[in-house]
Amino acid sequence: MLRAGAVSDGGRGSAGTVLGGTVRATVGRETTSGAQRRPPAASPDPDDYRFVHSIRTRFAETDAMGIIHHAAYLPYLEEARVAYLRRLGHPYGEVRREGINFAVLEVAVQYRRPLVFDDQVDVRVRAAARSRATFQLGYLLTVDHEVHATAVTVHGCVDADGRARRLPSWIGDAFV
């Protein structure tokens, strides 16, 4: 599980968590201290995801090398996240009208293969860890069943004034 302060190893099976300026390594599903941890939020296995949103890349998103610019991935994640909330029965517009926002606190993207103009990208989304006021989503971006990127976003629940607040109860039910 990647969380605020986490350090990724680039998908090689271990990660570390920054604790007071040091990195504590984890391997597989156990930490070096032997404590169990949750599986990573972003998995390269499509079967780990129950939601898929398709996006077609646009020419305007290509860079000088003819590939989709790395910054274009963030709107793909956002579009899929909004579609995921809609599928859960909580369109983001309604959530915002209730005085709730899900501020992005952290984004991590691992680019594995480049996307190019006119690719049909399947963005898979899954709920991961949550606390009283934050939650994580994992993403898998594929083209023709080939993994092109994985990503994790961490969101904080805030009110209309930007103050932290508890997550709505439906998130606990939906993020099982």
C-alpha atoms as a PDB file:
ATOM      1  CA  MET A   1       0.000   0.000   0.000  1.00  0.00           C
ATOM      2  CA  LEU A   2       1.409   3.381  -0.952  1.00  0.00           C
ATOM      3  CA  ARG A   3       0.428   6.174   1.385  1.00  0.00           C
ATOM      4  CA  ALA A   4       1.569   9.644   2.250  1.00  0.00           C
ATOM      5  CA  GLY A   5       5.266   9.357   2.957  1.00  0.00           C
ATOM      6  CA  ALA A   6       5.611   6.104   1.003  1.00  0.00           C
ATOM      7  CA  VAL A   7       8.490   5.398  -1.311  1.00  0.00           C
ATOM      8  CA  SER A   8       7.908   3.159  -4.342  1.00  0.00           C
ATOM      9  CA  ASP A   9      10.451   0.747  -5.717  1.00  0.00           C
ATOM     10  CA  GLY A  10       9.087   0.908  -9.265  1.00  0.00           C
ATOM     11  CA  GLY A  11       7.086  -2.308  -9.045  1.00  0.00           C
ATOM     12  CA  ARG A  12       9.926  -4.681  -8.142  1.00  0.00           C
ATOM     13  CA  GLY A  13       8.086  -6.175  -5.158  1.00  0.00           C
ATOM     14  CA  SER A  14       9.273  -4.040  -2.280  1.00  0.00           C
ATOM     15  CA  ALA A  15       8.593  -0.558  -1.032  1.00  0.00           C
ATOM     16  CA  GLY A  16       9.550   1.544   1.936  1.00  0.00           C
ATOM     17  CA  THR A  17       7.771   3.914   4.237  1.00  0.00           C
ATOM     18  CA  VAL A  18       9.460   7.069   5.438  1.00  0.00           C
ATOM     19  CA  LEU A  19       9.399   7.114   9.233  1.00  0.00           C
ATOM     20  CA  GLY A  20      11.104  10.059  10.862  1.00  0.00           C
ATOM     21  CA  GLY A  21      13.490  10.564   7.947  1.00  0.00           C
ATOM     22  CA  THR A  22      14.417   6.896   7.512  1.00  0.00           C
ATOM     23  CA  VAL A  23      13.107   4.365   5.035  1.00  0.00           C
ATOM     24  CA  ARG A  24      11.656   1.151   6.395  1.00  0.00           C
ATOM     25  CA  ALA A  25      11.741  -1.525   3.692  1.00  0.00           C
ATOM     26  CA  THR A  26       8.920  -3.915   2.959  1.00  0.00           C
ATOM     27  CA  VAL A  27       9.122  -7.051   0.869  1.00  0.00           C
ATOM     28  CA  GLY A  28       6.117  -8.782  -0.657  1.00  0.00           C
ATOM     29  CA  ARG A  29       3.253  -8.603   1.845  1.00  0.00           C
ATOM     30  CA  GLU A  30       5.368  -8.511   5.024  1.00  0.00           C
ATOM     31  CA  THR A  31       7.404  -5.663   6.423  1.00  0.00           C
ATOM     32  CA  THR A  32      10.949  -6.365   7.540  1.00  0.00           C
ATOM     33  CA  SER A  33       9.582  -6.412  11.085  1.00  0.00           C
ATOM     34  CA  GLY A  34       7.223  -9.259  10.066  1.00  0.00           C
ATOM     35  CA  ALA A  35       3.971  -7.268  10.366  1.00  0.00           C
ATOM     36  CA  GLN A  36       1.360  -7.892   7.661  1.00  0.00           C
ATOM     37  CA  ARG A  37       0.451  -5.052   5.327  1.00  0.00           C
ATOM     38  CA  ARG A  38      -2.252  -4.519   2.689  1.00  0.00           C
ATOM     39  CA  PRO A  39      -1.599  -5.344  -0.977  1.00  0.00           C
ATOM     40  CA  PRO A  40      -0.505  -2.431  -3.171  1.00  0.00           C
ATOM     41  CA  ALA A  41      -3.232   0.017  -4.194  1.00  0.00           C
ATOM     42  CA  ALA A  42      -2.271  -0.213  -7.879  1.00  0.00           C
ATOM     43  CA  SER A  43      -2.020  -3.726  -9.266  1.00  0.00           C
ATOM     44  CA  PRO A  44      -0.869  -4.715 -12.772  1.00  0.00           C
ATOM     45  CA  ASP A  45      -3.524  -7.483 -12.797  1.00  0.00           C
ATOM     46  CA  PRO A  46      -6.767  -6.402 -14.536  1.00  0.00           C
ATOM     47  CA  ASP A  47      -8.705  -8.988 -12.508  1.00  0.00           C
ATOM     48  CA  ASP A  48      -8.020  -6.926  -9.374  1.00  0.00           C
ATOM     49  CA  TYR A  49     -10.336  -4.173 -10.670  1.00  0.00           C
ATOM     50  CA  ARG A  50     -14.140  -4.133 -10.886  1.00  0.00           C
ATOM     51  CA  PHE A  51     -14.526  -0.825 -12.752  1.00  0.00           C
ATOM     52  CA  VAL A  52     -13.246   0.167 -16.216  1.00  0.00           C
ATOM     53  CA  HIS A  53     -13.568   3.529 -17.970  1.00  0.00           C
ATOM     54  CA  SER A  54     -12.389   3.937 -21.593  1.00  0.00           C
ATOM     55  CA  ILE A  55     -10.669   7.058 -22.912  1.00  0.00           C
ATOM     56  CA  ARG A  56      -9.318   7.783 -26.398  1.00  0.00           C
ATOM     57  CA  THR A  57      -6.062   9.752 -26.471  1.00  0.00           C
ATOM     58  CA  ARG A  58      -6.014  13.017 -28.429  1.00  0.00           C
ATOM     59  CA  PHE A  59      -3.412  14.434 -30.792  1.00  0.00           C
ATOM     60  CA  ALA A  60      -3.170  17.609 -28.676  1.00  0.00           C
ATOM     61  CA  GLU A  61      -1.816  15.460 -25.806  1.00  0.00           C
ATOM     62  CA  THR A  62       1.246  14.276 -27.740  1.00  0.00           C
ATOM     63  CA  ASP A  63       4.683  15.716 -27.134  1.00  0.00           C
ATOM     64  CA  ALA A  64       7.572  16.370 -29.528  1.00  0.00           C
ATOM     65  CA  MET A  65       8.392  12.634 -29.522  1.00  0.00           C
ATOM     66  CA  GLY A  66       4.888  11.737 -30.730  1.00  0.00           C
ATOM     67  CA  ILE A  67       3.820  10.092 -27.471  1.00  0.00           C
ATOM     68  CA  ILE A  68       1.230  11.182 -24.937  1.00  0.00           C
ATOM     69  CA  HIS A  69       2.861  13.670 -22.566  1.00  0.00           C
ATOM     70  CA  HIS A  70       3.232  12.382 -19.017  1.00  0.00           C
ATOM     71  CA  ALA A  71       1.089  15.211 -17.611  1.00  0.00           C
ATOM     72  CA  ALA A  72      -1.892  14.085 -19.732  1.00  0.00           C
ATOM     73  CA  TYR A  73      -2.268  10.989 -17.548  1.00  0.00           C
ATOM     74  CA  LEU A  74      -3.581  13.016 -14.595  1.00  0.00           C
ATOM     75  CA  PRO A  75      -6.777  14.113 -16.389  1.00  0.00           C
ATOM     76  CA  TYR A  76      -7.290  10.461 -17.436  1.00  0.00           C
ATOM     77  CA  LEU A  77      -7.174   9.469 -13.758  1.00  0.00           C
ATOM     78  CA  GLU A  78      -9.553  12.272 -12.842  1.00  0.00           C
ATOM     79  CA  GLU A  79     -12.050  11.384 -15.570  1.00  0.00           C
ATOM     80  CA  ALA A  80     -12.027   7.718 -14.517  1.00  0.00           C
ATOM     81  CA  ARG A  81     -12.343   8.678 -10.817  1.00  0.00           C
ATOM     82  CA  VAL A  82     -15.404  10.856 -11.521  1.00  0.00           C
ATOM     83  CA  ALA A  83     -16.957   8.045 -13.603  1.00  0.00           C
ATOM     84  CA  TYR A  84     -16.210   5.583 -10.761  1.00  0.00           C
ATOM     85  CA  LEU A  85     -18.009   7.783  -8.221  1.00  0.00           C
ATOM     86  CA  ARG A  86     -20.951   8.108 -10.622  1.00  0.00           C
ATOM     87  CA  ARG A  87     -21.092   4.308 -10.954  1.00  0.00           C
ATOM     88  CA  LEU A  88     -21.128   4.046  -7.144  1.00  0.00           C
ATOM     89  CA  GLY A  89     -24.262   6.205  -7.174  1.00  0.00           C
ATOM     90  CA  HIS A  90     -22.552   9.386  -5.987  1.00  0.00           C
ATOM     91  CA  PRO A  91     -21.866  11.724  -8.940  1.00  0.00           C
ATOM     92  CA  TYR A  92     -19.168  14.175  -7.932  1.00  0.00           C
ATOM     93  CA  GLY A  93     -21.408  17.162  -8.703  1.00  0.00           C
ATOM     94  CA  GLU A  94     -23.884  15.938  -6.082  1.00  0.00           C
ATOM     95  CA  VAL A  95     -21.100  15.251  -3.596  1.00  0.00           C
ATOM     96  CA  ARG A  96     -19.861  18.831  -4.052  1.00  0.00           C
ATOM     97  CA  ARG A  97     -23.388  20.243  -3.645  1.00  0.00           C
ATOM     98  CA  GLU A  98     -23.419  18.507  -0.247  1.00  0.00           C
ATOM     99  CA  GLY A  99     -20.406  20.642   0.705  1.00  0.00           C
ATOM    100  CA  ILE A 100     -17.837  17.848   0.306  1.00  0.00           C
ATOM    101  CA  ASN A 101     -14.708  17.850  -1.833  1.00  0.00           C
ATOM    102  CA  PHE A 102     -12.103  15.136  -2.286  1.00  0.00           C
ATOM    103  CA  ALA A 103      -8.867  17.086  -2.551  1.00  0.00           C
ATOM    104  CA  VAL A 104      -5.975  15.291  -4.240  1.00  0.00           C
ATOM    105  CA  LEU A 105      -3.203  15.016  -1.660  1.00  0.00           C
ATOM    106  CA  GLU A 106      -0.815  12.789  -3.558  1.00  0.00           C
ATOM    107  CA  VAL A 107      -0.403  11.234  -7.010  1.00  0.00           C
ATOM    108  CA  ALA A 108       2.054   8.549  -8.074  1.00  0.00           C
ATOM    109  CA  VAL A 109       2.251   7.241 -11.640  1.00  0.00           C
ATOM    110  CA  GLN A 110       4.487   4.471 -12.909  1.00  0.00           C
ATOM    111  CA  TYR A 111       4.888   4.727 -16.694  1.00  0.00           C
ATOM    112  CA  ARG A 112       5.545   1.313 -18.210  1.00  0.00           C
ATOM    113  CA  ARG A 113       4.834   1.793 -21.937  1.00  0.00           C
ATOM    114  CA  PRO A 114       4.090   4.995 -23.833  1.00  0.00           C
ATOM    115  CA  LEU A 115       0.594   5.899 -24.972  1.00  0.00           C
ATOM    116  CA  VAL A 116       0.264   7.346 -28.471  1.00  0.00           C
ATOM    117  CA  PHE A 117      -2.325   9.333 -30.384  1.00  0.00           C
ATOM    118  CA  ASP A 118      -5.680   7.582 -30.856  1.00  0.00           C
ATOM    119  CA  ASP A 119      -5.028   4.788 -28.343  1.00  0.00           C
ATOM    120  CA  GLN A 120      -8.168   3.441 -26.711  1.00  0.00           C
ATOM    121  CA  VAL A 121      -7.098   3.360 -23.053  1.00  0.00           C
ATOM    122  CA  ASP A 122      -8.961   1.293 -20.482  1.00  0.00           C
ATOM    123  CA  VAL A 123      -8.523   2.967 -17.101  1.00  0.00           C
ATOM    124  CA  ARG A 124      -9.350   0.504 -14.354  1.00  0.00           C
ATOM    125  CA  VAL A 125     -10.075   1.907 -10.894  1.00  0.00           C
ATOM    126  CA  ARG A 126     -10.258   0.264  -7.499  1.00  0.00           C
ATOM    127  CA  ALA A 127     -10.682   1.459  -3.972  1.00  0.00           C
ATOM    128  CA  ALA A 128      -7.750   0.865  -1.678  1.00  0.00           C
ATOM    129  CA  ALA A 129      -6.929   2.012   1.845  1.00  0.00           C
ATOM    130  CA  ARG A 130      -9.024   4.554   3.717  1.00  0.00           C
ATOM    131  CA  SER A 131      -8.923   6.335   7.026  1.00  0.00           C
ATOM    132  CA  ARG A 132     -11.469   8.578   8.712  1.00  0.00           C
ATOM    133  CA  ALA A 133     -10.717  11.481   6.370  1.00  0.00           C
ATOM    134  CA  THR A 134      -8.668  10.074   3.458  1.00  0.00           C
ATOM    135  CA  PHE A 135      -8.873   7.353   0.839  1.00  0.00           C
ATOM    136  CA  GLN A 136      -6.708   5.888  -1.897  1.00  0.00           C
ATOM    137  CA  LEU A 137      -7.608   4.751  -5.376  1.00  0.00           C
ATOM    138  CA  GLY A 138      -5.494   2.461  -7.518  1.00  0.00           C
ATOM    139  CA  TYR A 139      -5.483   2.667 -11.321  1.00  0.00           C
ATOM    140  CA  LEU A 140      -4.370   0.430 -14.162  1.00  0.00           C
ATOM    141  CA  LEU A 141      -4.093   1.890 -17.676  1.00  0.00           C
ATOM    142  CA  THR A 142      -4.092  -0.675 -20.483  1.00  0.00           C
ATOM    143  CA  VAL A 143      -4.292  -0.675 -24.273  1.00  0.00           C
ATOM    144  CA  ASP A 144      -5.330  -3.953 -25.904  1.00  0.00           C
ATOM    145  CA  HIS A 145      -4.731  -5.743 -22.573  1.00  0.00           C
ATOM    146  CA  GLU A 146      -1.133  -4.473 -22.313  1.00  0.00           C
ATOM    147  CA  VAL A 147      -0.223  -2.512 -19.189  1.00  0.00           C
ATOM    148  CA  HIS A 148       0.921   1.020 -19.986  1.00  0.00           C
ATOM    149  CA  ALA A 149       0.804   2.584 -16.504  1.00  0.00           C
ATOM    150  CA  THR A 150      -0.260   2.102 -12.919  1.00  0.00           C
ATOM    151  CA  ALA A 151      -1.149   4.925 -10.567  1.00  0.00           C
ATOM    152  CA  VAL A 152      -2.311   5.746  -7.060  1.00  0.00           C
ATOM    153  CA  THR A 153      -4.135   8.843  -5.866  1.00  0.00           C
ATOM    154  CA  VAL A 154      -4.666   9.823  -2.238  1.00  0.00           C
ATOM    155  CA  HIS A 155      -7.641  12.058  -1.459  1.00  0.00           C
ATOM    156  CA  GLY A 156      -8.557  14.059   1.608  1.00  0.00           C
ATOM    157  CA  CYS A 157     -12.159  14.827   2.428  1.00  0.00           C
ATOM    158  CA  VAL A 158     -12.617  18.570   3.005  1.00  0.00           C
ATOM    159  CA  ASP A 159     -15.578  20.880   3.433  1.00  0.00           C
ATOM    160  CA  ALA A 160     -16.353  23.862   1.208  1.00  0.00           C
ATOM    161  CA  ASP A 161     -13.865  25.968   3.214  1.00  0.00           C
ATOM    162  CA  GLY A 162     -11.066  23.425   2.747  1.00  0.00           C
ATOM    163  CA  ARG A 163     -11.142  22.105   6.321  1.00  0.00           C
ATOM    164  CA  ALA A 164     -10.644  18.385   6.845  1.00  0.00           C
ATOM    165  CA  ARG A 165     -13.747  16.385   7.656  1.00  0.00           C
ATOM    166  CA  ARG A 166     -14.727  12.754   8.003  1.00  0.00           C
ATOM    167  CA  LEU A 167     -15.454  10.754   4.885  1.00  0.00           C
ATOM    168  CA  PRO A 168     -19.143  10.279   4.123  1.00  0.00           C
ATOM    169  CA  SER A 169     -20.478   6.939   5.413  1.00  0.00           C
ATOM    170  CA  TRP A 170     -21.207   5.693   1.878  1.00  0.00           C
ATOM    171  CA  ILE A 171     -17.478   5.535   1.164  1.00  0.00           C
ATOM    172  CA  GLY A 172     -17.050   2.837   3.795  1.00  0.00           C
ATOM    173  CA  ASP A 173     -19.874   0.837   2.225  1.00  0.00           C
ATOM    174  CA  ALA A 174     -18.691   1.360  -1.366  1.00  0.00           C
ATOM    175  CA  PHE A 175     -14.978   0.827  -0.704  1.00  0.00           C
ATOM    176  CA  VAL A 176     -15.251  -2.745   0.580  1.00  0.00           C
END
